């Protein structure tokens, strides 16, 4: 048995080495499928992600702004919050967000767990408090039982809530895009136009910021290097977190994975199309004016970054009890 186990381990190691050797040496690397180690925690997090009872109105859920049928975003310039407030910033996709250096455009949350607690208590978003959200879940017998099953205790707190939501969000990766297939050696996965677009994308210097498995998300960069970015949006970028003037208009570089699904673009949502986004990024960030053909080629490449979208059975949320606050989105 011991020799058999060693043989299996050796075979797996060789297979892993062979896979690594077969991947093209490019600035962007393939997305790996999610590895679920605690399916019960993920299932609980999925329910919480879709549950509007975590909001003051009982109407807004995580999925409202990060819609998993729409590339993990909401396709609005800025999101809609409690009492139909217009949000201050474009909603970034939740897909592949576990690969980012930090969360939110300004990076104020270190990880998905910290991020998950932010919108619940933000008066412009879900407009609840953590205590009220916890209190609501404690009135729902199905949640009390599920928290006990997952955590070994029926006690519900915000730490457990955000841990579960983050565990679900970590599964929302999108492997197997045409570009990933090409990276793994399939020469037919991309056509000549898409390859030309990728070549131009690299040659122009886009990969200095848009690199790694997520093709971005791993650094903060100033918006407007060669020309100032003109916007009426009040977002300050990293300066709002650090208090440093030199961080003004420094934002987290967005992932380009699934970018054809996550329009409109930029922190203010002012670029309505990929063509507009590419043209602006060329001028503002690279000091380069792309031709229409070059823009078309780059856009063709960017569309090859759309991977397999998360698939799962929609959760059936546990029913409220008589003690659960009733939804009232009009108040």
C-alpha atoms as a PDB file:
ATOM      1  CA  UNK A   1       0.000   0.000   0.000  1.00  0.00           C
ATOM      2  CA  UNK A   2       2.813   2.375   0.879  1.00  0.00           C
ATOM      3  CA  UNK A   3       4.553   1.771  -2.449  1.00  0.00           C
ATOM      4  CA  UNK A   4       1.256   2.268  -4.269  1.00  0.00           C
ATOM      5  CA  UNK A   5       0.679   5.595  -2.484  1.00  0.00           C
ATOM      6  CA  UNK A   6       4.190   6.749  -3.384  1.00  0.00           C
ATOM      7  CA  UNK A   7       3.581   5.788  -7.018  1.00  0.00           C
ATOM      8  CA  UNK A   8       0.316   7.730  -7.129  1.00  0.00           C
ATOM      9  CA  UNK A   9       1.933  10.782  -5.538  1.00  0.00           C
ATOM     10  CA  UNK A  10       4.784  10.625  -8.034  1.00  0.00           C
ATOM     11  CA  UNK A  11       2.363  10.361 -10.940  1.00  0.00           C
ATOM     12  CA  UNK A  12       0.426  13.400  -9.704  1.00  0.00           C
ATOM     13  CA  UNK A  13       3.630  15.371  -9.296  1.00  0.00           C
ATOM     14  CA  UNK A  14       4.708  14.509 -12.825  1.00  0.00           C
ATOM     15  CA  UNK A  15       1.267  15.462 -14.157  1.00  0.00           C
ATOM     16  CA  UNK A  16       1.436  18.792 -12.327  1.00  0.00           C
ATOM     17  CA  UNK A  17       4.898  19.482 -13.713  1.00  0.00           C
ATOM     18  CA  UNK A  18       3.737  18.586 -17.207  1.00  0.00           C
ATOM     19  CA  UNK A  19       0.739  20.925 -16.906  1.00  0.00           C
ATOM     20  CA  UNK A  20       2.965  23.777 -15.726  1.00  0.00           C
ATOM     21  CA  UNK A  21       5.398  23.148 -18.574  1.00  0.00           C
ATOM     22  CA  UNK A  22       2.562  23.153 -21.145  1.00  0.00           C
ATOM     23  CA  UNK A  23       1.259  26.590 -20.157  1.00  0.00           C
ATOM     24  CA  UNK A  24       2.599  29.382 -22.344  1.00  0.00           C
ATOM     25  CA  UNK A  25       4.913  31.841 -20.611  1.00  0.00           C
ATOM     26  CA  UNK A  26       2.725  34.945 -20.791  1.00  0.00           C
ATOM     27  CA  UNK A  27       2.040  37.884 -18.439  1.00  0.00           C
ATOM     28  CA  UNK A  28      -1.542  36.620 -18.009  1.00  0.00           C
ATOM     29  CA  UNK A  29      -1.926  33.122 -16.628  1.00  0.00           C
ATOM     30  CA  UNK A  30      -4.895  30.709 -16.611  1.00  0.00           C
ATOM     31  CA  UNK A  31      -7.632  30.904 -13.997  1.00  0.00           C
ATOM     32  CA  UNK A  32      -7.741  27.770 -11.867  1.00  0.00           C
ATOM     33  CA  UNK A  33     -11.053  26.146 -10.866  1.00  0.00           C
ATOM     34  CA  UNK A  34     -12.234  26.756  -7.313  1.00  0.00           C
ATOM     35  CA  UNK A  35     -11.258  24.229  -4.657  1.00  0.00           C
ATOM     36  CA  UNK A  36     -14.066  23.824  -2.140  1.00  0.00           C
ATOM     37  CA  UNK A  37     -12.894  22.459   1.203  1.00  0.00           C
ATOM     38  CA  UNK A  38     -16.015  23.225   3.253  1.00  0.00           C
ATOM     39  CA  UNK A  39     -19.133  22.780   1.079  1.00  0.00           C
ATOM     40  CA  UNK A  40     -21.532  23.354   3.990  1.00  0.00           C
ATOM     41  CA  UNK A  41     -19.975  26.766   4.698  1.00  0.00           C
ATOM     42  CA  UNK A  42     -20.161  27.653   0.990  1.00  0.00           C
ATOM     43  CA  UNK A  43     -23.817  26.627   0.844  1.00  0.00           C
ATOM     44  CA  UNK A  44     -24.639  28.817   3.843  1.00  0.00           C
ATOM     45  CA  UNK A  45     -22.735  31.696   2.259  1.00  0.00           C
ATOM     46  CA  UNK A  46     -24.674  31.246  -0.974  1.00  0.00           C
ATOM     47  CA  UNK A  47     -27.964  31.644   0.880  1.00  0.00           C
ATOM     48  CA  UNK A  48     -26.733  34.749   2.677  1.00  0.00           C
ATOM     49  CA  UNK A  49     -25.454  36.212  -0.608  1.00  0.00           C
ATOM     50  CA  UNK A  50     -28.934  36.012  -2.108  1.00  0.00           C
ATOM     51  CA  UNK A  51     -30.880  36.935   1.028  1.00  0.00           C
ATOM     52  CA  UNK A  52     -32.372  40.477   0.979  1.00  0.00           C
ATOM     53  CA  UNK A  53     -33.195  40.219   4.689  1.00  0.00           C
ATOM     54  CA  UNK A  54     -29.644  41.372   5.390  1.00  0.00           C
ATOM     55  CA  UNK A  55     -30.776  44.852   4.273  1.00  0.00           C
ATOM     56  CA  UNK A  56     -32.900  47.431   6.090  1.00  0.00           C
ATOM     57  CA  UNK A  57     -35.571  47.309   3.382  1.00  0.00           C
ATOM     58  CA  UNK A  58     -35.626  43.536   3.103  1.00  0.00           C
ATOM     59  CA  UNK A  59     -35.252  44.098  -0.634  1.00  0.00           C
ATOM     60  CA  UNK A  60     -31.513  44.421  -1.426  1.00  0.00           C
ATOM     61  CA  UNK A  61     -29.090  41.491  -1.389  1.00  0.00           C
ATOM     62  CA  UNK A  62     -25.438  41.101  -2.357  1.00  0.00           C
ATOM     63  CA  UNK A  63     -26.692  39.829  -5.708  1.00  0.00           C
ATOM     64  CA  UNK A  64     -28.555  43.092  -6.340  1.00  0.00           C
ATOM     65  CA  UNK A  65     -25.321  44.921  -7.186  1.00  0.00           C
ATOM     66  CA  UNK A  66     -23.181  41.871  -7.994  1.00  0.00           C
ATOM     67  CA  UNK A  67     -25.641  39.963 -10.140  1.00  0.00           C
ATOM     68  CA  UNK A  68     -24.316  36.528 -11.030  1.00  0.00           C
ATOM     69  CA  UNK A  69     -26.478  36.487 -14.154  1.00  0.00           C
ATOM     70  CA  UNK A  70     -24.750  39.671 -15.352  1.00  0.00           C
ATOM     71  CA  UNK A  71     -21.043  38.987 -14.951  1.00  0.00           C
ATOM     72  CA  UNK A  72     -21.115  39.640 -11.197  1.00  0.00           C
ATOM     73  CA  UNK A  73     -21.986  43.323 -11.671  1.00  0.00           C
ATOM     74  CA  UNK A  74     -25.196  45.298 -12.291  1.00  0.00           C
ATOM     75  CA  UNK A  75     -24.400  47.015 -15.628  1.00  0.00           C
ATOM     76  CA  UNK A  76     -25.257  50.431 -14.160  1.00  0.00           C
ATOM     77  CA  UNK A  77     -22.971  53.463 -14.019  1.00  0.00           C
ATOM     78  CA  UNK A  78     -23.382  53.476 -10.256  1.00  0.00           C
ATOM     79  CA  UNK A  79     -25.451  51.090  -8.186  1.00  0.00           C
ATOM     80  CA  UNK A  80     -28.877  51.635  -6.628  1.00  0.00           C
ATOM     81  CA  UNK A  81     -28.942  51.693  -2.838  1.00  0.00           C
ATOM     82  CA  UNK A  82     -31.503  51.908  -0.056  1.00  0.00           C
ATOM     83  CA  UNK A  83     -34.549  54.087  -0.898  1.00  0.00           C
ATOM     84  CA  UNK A  84     -33.377  54.200  -4.523  1.00  0.00           C
ATOM     85  CA  UNK A  85     -30.316  56.247  -3.673  1.00  0.00           C
ATOM     86  CA  UNK A  86     -27.821  56.600  -6.497  1.00  0.00           C
ATOM     87  CA  UNK A  87     -24.579  55.023  -5.376  1.00  0.00           C
ATOM     88  CA  UNK A  88     -21.304  56.953  -5.581  1.00  0.00           C
ATOM     89  CA  UNK A  89     -19.315  54.456  -7.633  1.00  0.00           C
ATOM     90  CA  UNK A  90     -19.500  51.688 -10.224  1.00  0.00           C
ATOM     91  CA  UNK A  91     -20.043  48.204  -8.838  1.00  0.00           C
ATOM     92  CA  UNK A  92     -16.972  46.027  -9.538  1.00  0.00           C
ATOM     93  CA  UNK A  93     -17.533  42.421 -10.505  1.00  0.00           C
ATOM     94  CA  UNK A  94     -17.470  39.807  -7.761  1.00  0.00           C
ATOM     95  CA  UNK A  95     -16.186  37.198 -10.218  1.00  0.00           C
ATOM     96  CA  UNK A  96     -12.550  36.261  -9.530  1.00  0.00           C
ATOM     97  CA  UNK A  97     -12.479  38.905  -6.775  1.00  0.00           C
ATOM     98  CA  UNK A  98     -10.666  36.461  -4.495  1.00  0.00           C
ATOM     99  CA  UNK A  99      -7.587  37.027  -6.697  1.00  0.00           C
ATOM    100  CA  UNK A 100      -7.464  40.773  -5.988  1.00  0.00           C
ATOM    101  CA  UNK A 101      -4.912  42.480  -3.756  1.00  0.00           C
ATOM    102  CA  UNK A 102      -7.745  44.151  -1.828  1.00  0.00           C
ATOM    103  CA  UNK A 103     -11.455  44.875  -2.166  1.00  0.00           C
ATOM    104  CA  UNK A 104     -13.375  47.973  -3.328  1.00  0.00           C
ATOM    105  CA  UNK A 105     -11.988  50.436  -5.867  1.00  0.00           C
ATOM    106  CA  UNK A 106      -9.986  52.158  -3.130  1.00  0.00           C
ATOM    107  CA  UNK A 107      -8.806  48.938  -1.480  1.00  0.00           C
ATOM    108  CA  UNK A 108     -10.262  49.809   1.925  1.00  0.00           C
ATOM    109  CA  UNK A 109     -11.099  46.158   2.671  1.00  0.00           C
ATOM    110  CA  UNK A 110      -8.212  43.712   2.916  1.00  0.00           C
ATOM    111  CA  UNK A 111     -10.171  40.659   1.824  1.00  0.00           C
ATOM    112  CA  UNK A 112     -13.598  39.323   0.872  1.00  0.00           C
ATOM    113  CA  UNK A 113     -14.578  38.688   4.487  1.00  0.00           C
ATOM    114  CA  UNK A 114     -13.990  42.313   5.424  1.00  0.00           C
ATOM    115  CA  UNK A 115     -15.682  43.508   2.264  1.00  0.00           C
ATOM    116  CA  UNK A 116     -18.823  41.448   2.915  1.00  0.00           C
ATOM    117  CA  UNK A 117     -19.592  43.422   6.054  1.00  0.00           C
ATOM    118  CA  UNK A 118     -19.261  46.835   4.400  1.00  0.00           C
ATOM    119  CA  UNK A 119     -22.420  47.111   2.251  1.00  0.00           C
ATOM    120  CA  UNK A 120     -24.669  45.694   4.983  1.00  0.00           C
ATOM    121  CA  UNK A 121     -23.947  48.675   7.249  1.00  0.00           C
ATOM    122  CA  UNK A 122     -23.462  51.318   4.545  1.00  0.00           C
ATOM    123  CA  UNK A 123     -26.407  53.769   4.674  1.00  0.00           C
ATOM    124  CA  UNK A 124     -26.173  54.259   0.913  1.00  0.00           C
ATOM    125  CA  UNK A 125     -26.287  50.547   0.136  1.00  0.00           C
ATOM    126  CA  UNK A 126     -28.101  47.968   2.290  1.00  0.00           C
ATOM    127  CA  UNK A 127     -28.501  50.525   5.108  1.00  0.00           C
ATOM    128  CA  UNK A 128     -28.722  48.061   7.997  1.00  0.00           C
ATOM    129  CA  UNK A 129     -26.445  47.657  10.993  1.00  0.00           C
ATOM    130  CA  UNK A 130     -24.497  44.538  11.797  1.00  0.00           C
ATOM    131  CA  UNK A 131     -26.447  44.097  15.032  1.00  0.00           C
ATOM    132  CA  UNK A 132     -29.806  44.378  13.272  1.00  0.00           C
ATOM    133  CA  UNK A 133     -28.714  41.971  10.518  1.00  0.00           C
ATOM    134  CA  UNK A 134     -27.611  39.438  13.124  1.00  0.00           C
ATOM    135  CA  UNK A 135     -30.855  39.950  15.038  1.00  0.00           C
ATOM    136  CA  UNK A 136     -32.906  39.286  11.916  1.00  0.00           C
ATOM    137  CA  UNK A 137     -31.119  36.016  11.156  1.00  0.00           C
ATOM    138  CA  UNK A 138     -31.584  34.879  14.752  1.00  0.00           C
ATOM    139  CA  UNK A 139     -35.357  35.021  14.226  1.00  0.00           C
ATOM    140  CA  UNK A 140     -35.167  32.557  11.317  1.00  0.00           C
ATOM    141  CA  UNK A 141     -35.135  28.956  12.635  1.00  0.00           C
ATOM    142  CA  UNK A 142     -33.624  27.555   9.435  1.00  0.00           C
ATOM    143  CA  UNK A 143     -30.597  29.804   9.754  1.00  0.00           C
ATOM    144  CA  UNK A 144     -30.159  29.060  13.448  1.00  0.00           C
ATOM    145  CA  UNK A 145     -30.040  25.335  12.629  1.00  0.00           C
ATOM    146  CA  UNK A 146     -27.697  25.817   9.669  1.00  0.00           C
ATOM    147  CA  UNK A 147     -25.248  28.016  11.599  1.00  0.00           C
ATOM    148  CA  UNK A 148     -25.188  25.368  14.327  1.00  0.00           C
ATOM    149  CA  UNK A 149     -24.505  22.643  11.762  1.00  0.00           C
ATOM    150  CA  UNK A 150     -21.714  24.610  10.053  1.00  0.00           C
ATOM    151  CA  UNK A 151     -20.043  26.255  13.043  1.00  0.00           C
ATOM    152  CA  UNK A 152     -20.929  23.859  15.856  1.00  0.00           C
ATOM    153  CA  UNK A 153     -22.871  26.575  17.670  1.00  0.00           C
ATOM    154  CA  UNK A 154     -26.293  28.124  17.113  1.00  0.00           C
ATOM    155  CA  UNK A 155     -24.913  31.561  17.943  1.00  0.00           C
ATOM    156  CA  UNK A 156     -25.007  33.885  14.955  1.00  0.00           C
ATOM    157  CA  UNK A 157     -22.678  36.871  14.688  1.00  0.00           C
ATOM    158  CA  UNK A 158     -21.379  39.144  11.950  1.00  0.00           C
ATOM    159  CA  UNK A 159     -18.011  37.384  11.864  1.00  0.00           C
ATOM    160  CA  UNK A 160     -19.676  34.094  10.931  1.00  0.00           C
ATOM    161  CA  UNK A 161     -21.961  35.802   8.419  1.00  0.00           C
ATOM    162  CA  UNK A 162     -19.104  37.466   6.554  1.00  0.00           C
ATOM    163  CA  UNK A 163     -16.966  34.324   6.735  1.00  0.00           C
ATOM    164  CA  UNK A 164     -19.709  32.336   5.036  1.00  0.00           C
ATOM    165  CA  UNK A 165     -20.375  34.946   2.334  1.00  0.00           C
ATOM    166  CA  UNK A 166     -16.642  35.158   1.584  1.00  0.00           C
ATOM    167  CA  UNK A 167     -16.407  31.365   1.326  1.00  0.00           C
ATOM    168  CA  UNK A 168     -19.127  31.394  -1.330  1.00  0.00           C
ATOM    169  CA  UNK A 169     -17.562  34.316  -3.191  1.00  0.00           C
ATOM    170  CA  UNK A 170     -14.232  32.473  -3.312  1.00  0.00           C
ATOM    171  CA  UNK A 171     -15.908  29.850  -5.515  1.00  0.00           C
ATOM    172  CA  UNK A 172     -16.938  32.463  -8.094  1.00  0.00           C
ATOM    173  CA  UNK A 173     -14.032  31.993 -10.465  1.00  0.00           C
ATOM    174  CA  UNK A 174     -14.323  31.717 -14.250  1.00  0.00           C
ATOM    175  CA  UNK A 175     -11.809  29.287 -15.751  1.00  0.00           C
ATOM    176  CA  UNK A 176     -11.644  27.848 -19.263  1.00  0.00           C
ATOM    177  CA  UNK A 177     -11.938  31.031 -21.305  1.00  0.00           C
ATOM    178  CA  UNK A 178     -10.775  30.815 -24.927  1.00  0.00           C
ATOM    179  CA  UNK A 179      -7.649  32.708 -23.879  1.00  0.00           C
ATOM    180  CA  UNK A 180      -6.990  30.177 -21.108  1.00  0.00           C
ATOM    181  CA  UNK A 181      -7.360  27.371 -23.615  1.00  0.00           C
ATOM    182  CA  UNK A 182      -4.799  29.096 -25.836  1.00  0.00           C
ATOM    183  CA  UNK A 183      -2.473  29.572 -22.860  1.00  0.00           C
ATOM    184  CA  UNK A 184      -2.668  25.830 -22.256  1.00  0.00           C
ATOM    185  CA  UNK A 185      -1.554  25.043 -25.786  1.00  0.00           C
ATOM    186  CA  UNK A 186      -4.692  25.016 -27.938  1.00  0.00           C
ATOM    187  CA  UNK A 187      -3.515  26.920 -31.022  1.00  0.00           C
ATOM    188  CA  UNK A 188      -7.041  26.974 -32.451  1.00  0.00           C
ATOM    189  CA  UNK A 189      -8.617  28.660 -29.411  1.00  0.00           C
ATOM    190  CA  UNK A 190      -7.875  32.162 -30.748  1.00  0.00           C
ATOM    191  CA  UNK A 191      -8.219  33.461 -34.280  1.00  0.00           C
ATOM    192  CA  UNK A 192      -5.754  35.755 -36.063  1.00  0.00           C
ATOM    193  CA  UNK A 193      -7.599  38.916 -35.111  1.00  0.00           C
ATOM    194  CA  UNK A 194      -7.721  37.982 -31.427  1.00  0.00           C
ATOM    195  CA  UNK A 195      -4.037  37.089 -31.461  1.00  0.00           C
ATOM    196  CA  UNK A 196      -3.228  40.398 -33.126  1.00  0.00           C
ATOM    197  CA  UNK A 197      -5.194  42.168 -30.416  1.00  0.00           C
ATOM    198  CA  UNK A 198      -3.290  40.349 -27.696  1.00  0.00           C
ATOM    199  CA  UNK A 199       0.014  41.164 -29.362  1.00  0.00           C
ATOM    200  CA  UNK A 200      -0.907  44.840 -29.460  1.00  0.00           C
ATOM    201  CA  UNK A 201      -2.143  44.654 -25.862  1.00  0.00           C
ATOM    202  CA  UNK A 202       1.279  43.373 -24.797  1.00  0.00           C
ATOM    203  CA  UNK A 203       3.339  45.621 -27.054  1.00  0.00           C
ATOM    204  CA  UNK A 204       1.481  48.725 -25.878  1.00  0.00           C
ATOM    205  CA  UNK A 205       2.297  48.022 -22.247  1.00  0.00           C
ATOM    206  CA  UNK A 206      -1.218  47.153 -21.026  1.00  0.00           C
ATOM    207  CA  UNK A 207       0.218  44.072 -19.315  1.00  0.00           C
ATOM    208  CA  UNK A 208       2.207  46.259 -16.925  1.00  0.00           C
ATOM    209  CA  UNK A 209      -1.025  46.599 -14.937  1.00  0.00           C
ATOM    210  CA  UNK A 210      -3.280  43.915 -16.378  1.00  0.00           C
ATOM    211  CA  UNK A 211      -1.346  40.754 -15.605  1.00  0.00           C
ATOM    212  CA  UNK A 212      -1.603  37.585 -13.537  1.00  0.00           C
ATOM    213  CA  UNK A 213      -4.518  35.110 -13.557  1.00  0.00           C
ATOM    214  CA  UNK A 214      -7.125  37.875 -13.165  1.00  0.00           C
ATOM    215  CA  UNK A 215      -5.510  40.150 -15.774  1.00  0.00           C
ATOM    216  CA  UNK A 216      -5.516  42.929 -13.191  1.00  0.00           C
ATOM    217  CA  UNK A 217      -6.636  43.501  -9.629  1.00  0.00           C
ATOM    218  CA  UNK A 218      -3.176  43.240  -8.093  1.00  0.00           C
ATOM    219  CA  UNK A 219      -2.092  46.891  -7.954  1.00  0.00           C
ATOM    220  CA  UNK A 220      -3.286  50.477  -7.579  1.00  0.00           C
ATOM    221  CA  UNK A 221      -2.607  52.941 -10.378  1.00  0.00           C
ATOM    222  CA  UNK A 222      -3.276  56.602 -11.016  1.00  0.00           C
ATOM    223  CA  UNK A 223      -6.127  57.266 -13.420  1.00  0.00           C
ATOM    224  CA  UNK A 224      -4.720  59.681 -15.990  1.00  0.00           C
ATOM    225  CA  UNK A 225      -0.944  59.476 -16.433  1.00  0.00           C
ATOM    226  CA  UNK A 226      -0.525  61.239 -19.786  1.00  0.00           C
ATOM    227  CA  UNK A 227      -3.753  63.232 -19.638  1.00  0.00           C
ATOM    228  CA  UNK A 228      -5.888  64.057 -16.596  1.00  0.00           C
ATOM    229  CA  UNK A 229      -9.065  62.021 -16.330  1.00  0.00           C
ATOM    230  CA  UNK A 230     -12.048  64.388 -16.364  1.00  0.00           C
ATOM    231  CA  UNK A 231     -14.996  63.238 -14.268  1.00  0.00           C
ATOM    232  CA  UNK A 232     -17.720  64.657 -12.067  1.00  0.00           C
ATOM    233  CA  UNK A 233     -17.530  61.620  -9.794  1.00  0.00           C
ATOM    234  CA  UNK A 234     -16.326  62.616  -6.304  1.00  0.00           C
ATOM    235  CA  UNK A 235     -14.422  59.376  -5.605  1.00  0.00           C
ATOM    236  CA  UNK A 236     -10.853  60.103  -4.468  1.00  0.00           C
ATOM    237  CA  UNK A 237      -9.387  56.631  -4.853  1.00  0.00           C
ATOM    238  CA  UNK A 238      -6.717  55.519  -2.394  1.00  0.00           C
ATOM    239  CA  UNK A 239      -6.504  59.059  -0.967  1.00  0.00           C
ATOM    240  CA  UNK A 240      -9.792  58.403   0.802  1.00  0.00           C
ATOM    241  CA  UNK A 241      -8.108  55.551   2.667  1.00  0.00           C
ATOM    242  CA  UNK A 242      -4.553  56.796   3.186  1.00  0.00           C
ATOM    243  CA  UNK A 243      -5.255  60.527   3.513  1.00  0.00           C
ATOM    244  CA  UNK A 244      -2.318  61.205   1.187  1.00  0.00           C
ATOM    245  CA  UNK A 245      -2.811  63.677  -1.636  1.00  0.00           C
ATOM    246  CA  UNK A 246      -0.446  61.711  -3.868  1.00  0.00           C
ATOM    247  CA  UNK A 247      -2.936  58.828  -3.755  1.00  0.00           C
ATOM    248  CA  UNK A 248      -5.722  60.934  -5.251  1.00  0.00           C
ATOM    249  CA  UNK A 249      -7.231  59.221  -8.325  1.00  0.00           C
ATOM    250  CA  UNK A 250      -5.285  56.038  -7.563  1.00  0.00           C
ATOM    251  CA  UNK A 251      -7.670  53.131  -7.992  1.00  0.00           C
ATOM    252  CA  UNK A 252      -7.354  49.381  -7.927  1.00  0.00           C
ATOM    253  CA  UNK A 253      -6.683  48.120 -11.441  1.00  0.00           C
ATOM    254  CA  UNK A 254      -9.824  46.201 -12.412  1.00  0.00           C
ATOM    255  CA  UNK A 255      -9.703  42.622 -13.610  1.00  0.00           C
ATOM    256  CA  UNK A 256     -10.248  42.206 -17.333  1.00  0.00           C
ATOM    257  CA  UNK A 257     -11.695  38.744 -16.910  1.00  0.00           C
ATOM    258  CA  UNK A 258     -15.265  38.644 -18.307  1.00  0.00           C
ATOM    259  CA  UNK A 259     -14.908  42.322 -19.197  1.00  0.00           C
ATOM    260  CA  UNK A 260     -17.379  42.083 -22.073  1.00  0.00           C
ATOM    261  CA  UNK A 261     -20.066  41.335 -19.453  1.00  0.00           C
ATOM    262  CA  UNK A 262     -19.225  44.035 -16.893  1.00  0.00           C
ATOM    263  CA  UNK A 263     -20.030  47.266 -18.743  1.00  0.00           C
ATOM    264  CA  UNK A 264     -20.040  50.207 -18.200  1.00  0.00           C
ATOM    265  CA  UNK A 265     -16.397  50.760 -17.296  1.00  0.00           C
ATOM    266  CA  UNK A 266     -14.147  52.682 -14.876  1.00  0.00           C
ATOM    267  CA  UNK A 267     -14.921  53.671 -11.307  1.00  0.00           C
ATOM    268  CA  UNK A 268     -17.491  56.213 -12.502  1.00  0.00           C
ATOM    269  CA  UNK A 269     -19.038  54.004 -15.194  1.00  0.00           C
ATOM    270  CA  UNK A 270     -18.501  56.710 -17.808  1.00  0.00           C
ATOM    271  CA  UNK A 271     -17.124  54.431 -20.540  1.00  0.00           C
ATOM    272  CA  UNK A 272     -20.237  52.791 -21.970  1.00  0.00           C
ATOM    273  CA  UNK A 273     -18.472  50.375 -24.316  1.00  0.00           C
ATOM    274  CA  UNK A 274     -15.243  48.415 -24.498  1.00  0.00           C
ATOM    275  CA  UNK A 275     -14.243  50.469 -27.523  1.00  0.00           C
ATOM    276  CA  UNK A 276     -14.551  53.686 -25.508  1.00  0.00           C
ATOM    277  CA  UNK A 277     -12.646  52.163 -22.597  1.00  0.00           C
ATOM    278  CA  UNK A 278      -9.762  51.008 -24.816  1.00  0.00           C
ATOM    279  CA  UNK A 279      -9.526  54.369 -26.588  1.00  0.00           C
ATOM    280  CA  UNK A 280      -9.446  56.275 -23.289  1.00  0.00           C
ATOM    281  CA  UNK A 281      -6.958  53.939 -21.634  1.00  0.00           C
ATOM    282  CA  UNK A 282      -4.660  54.231 -24.629  1.00  0.00           C
ATOM    283  CA  UNK A 283      -4.612  58.029 -24.437  1.00  0.00           C
ATOM    284  CA  UNK A 284      -4.717  58.538 -20.670  1.00  0.00           C
ATOM    285  CA  UNK A 285      -2.537  55.693 -19.421  1.00  0.00           C
ATOM    286  CA  UNK A 286      -0.211  54.965 -22.343  1.00  0.00           C
ATOM    287  CA  UNK A 287      -0.041  58.229 -24.269  1.00  0.00           C
ATOM    288  CA  UNK A 288      -1.095  56.379 -27.383  1.00  0.00           C
ATOM    289  CA  UNK A 289      -3.879  57.059 -29.859  1.00  0.00           C
ATOM    290  CA  UNK A 290      -5.147  53.757 -31.221  1.00  0.00           C
ATOM    291  CA  UNK A 291      -6.634  53.491 -34.687  1.00  0.00           C
ATOM    292  CA  UNK A 292     -10.146  52.086 -35.089  1.00  0.00           C
ATOM    293  CA  UNK A 293      -8.651  48.821 -36.334  1.00  0.00           C
ATOM    294  CA  UNK A 294      -6.316  48.577 -33.348  1.00  0.00           C
ATOM    295  CA  UNK A 295      -9.190  49.228 -30.957  1.00  0.00           C
ATOM    296  CA  UNK A 296     -11.262  46.580 -32.725  1.00  0.00           C
ATOM    297  CA  UNK A 297      -8.424  44.039 -32.451  1.00  0.00           C
ATOM    298  CA  UNK A 298      -7.845  44.715 -28.746  1.00  0.00           C
ATOM    299  CA  UNK A 299     -11.573  44.419 -28.037  1.00  0.00           C
ATOM    300  CA  UNK A 300     -11.629  41.099 -29.905  1.00  0.00           C
ATOM    301  CA  UNK A 301      -8.849  39.871 -27.609  1.00  0.00           C
ATOM    302  CA  UNK A 302     -10.576  41.158 -24.465  1.00  0.00           C
ATOM    303  CA  UNK A 303     -13.687  39.147 -25.311  1.00  0.00           C
ATOM    304  CA  UNK A 304     -11.598  35.957 -25.239  1.00  0.00           C
ATOM    305  CA  UNK A 305     -11.176  36.497 -21.477  1.00  0.00           C
ATOM    306  CA  UNK A 306     -14.785  35.488 -20.786  1.00  0.00           C
ATOM    307  CA  UNK A 307     -14.656  32.183 -18.944  1.00  0.00           C
ATOM    308  CA  UNK A 308     -17.142  29.612 -17.703  1.00  0.00           C
ATOM    309  CA  UNK A 309     -19.644  31.444 -15.531  1.00  0.00           C
ATOM    310  CA  UNK A 310     -20.407  30.024 -12.082  1.00  0.00           C
ATOM    311  CA  UNK A 311     -23.138  27.415 -12.184  1.00  0.00           C
ATOM    312  CA  UNK A 312     -25.023  26.225  -9.131  1.00  0.00           C
ATOM    313  CA  UNK A 313     -28.491  25.407  -7.880  1.00  0.00           C
ATOM    314  CA  UNK A 314     -30.219  28.563  -6.718  1.00  0.00           C
ATOM    315  CA  UNK A 315     -30.665  28.498  -2.938  1.00  0.00           C
ATOM    316  CA  UNK A 316     -34.037  28.105  -1.272  1.00  0.00           C
ATOM    317  CA  UNK A 317     -33.919  30.606   1.564  1.00  0.00           C
ATOM    318  CA  UNK A 318     -35.232  29.524   4.973  1.00  0.00           C
ATOM    319  CA  UNK A 319     -38.650  31.060   5.688  1.00  0.00           C
ATOM    320  CA  UNK A 320     -39.069  33.928   8.111  1.00  0.00           C
ATOM    321  CA  UNK A 321     -40.771  33.398  11.450  1.00  0.00           C
ATOM    322  CA  UNK A 322     -43.496  35.593  12.930  1.00  0.00           C
ATOM    323  CA  UNK A 323     -40.735  37.488  14.747  1.00  0.00           C
ATOM    324  CA  UNK A 324     -38.742  38.294  11.605  1.00  0.00           C
ATOM    325  CA  UNK A 325     -38.947  41.983  10.551  1.00  0.00           C
ATOM    326  CA  UNK A 326     -41.219  42.400   7.541  1.00  0.00           C
ATOM    327  CA  UNK A 327     -39.741  43.877   4.334  1.00  0.00           C
ATOM    328  CA  UNK A 328     -40.625  47.505   3.753  1.00  0.00           C
ATOM    329  CA  UNK A 329     -38.687  48.970   0.815  1.00  0.00           C
ATOM    330  CA  UNK A 330     -40.949  52.035   0.623  1.00  0.00           C
ATOM    331  CA  UNK A 331     -40.253  53.402   4.102  1.00  0.00           C
END
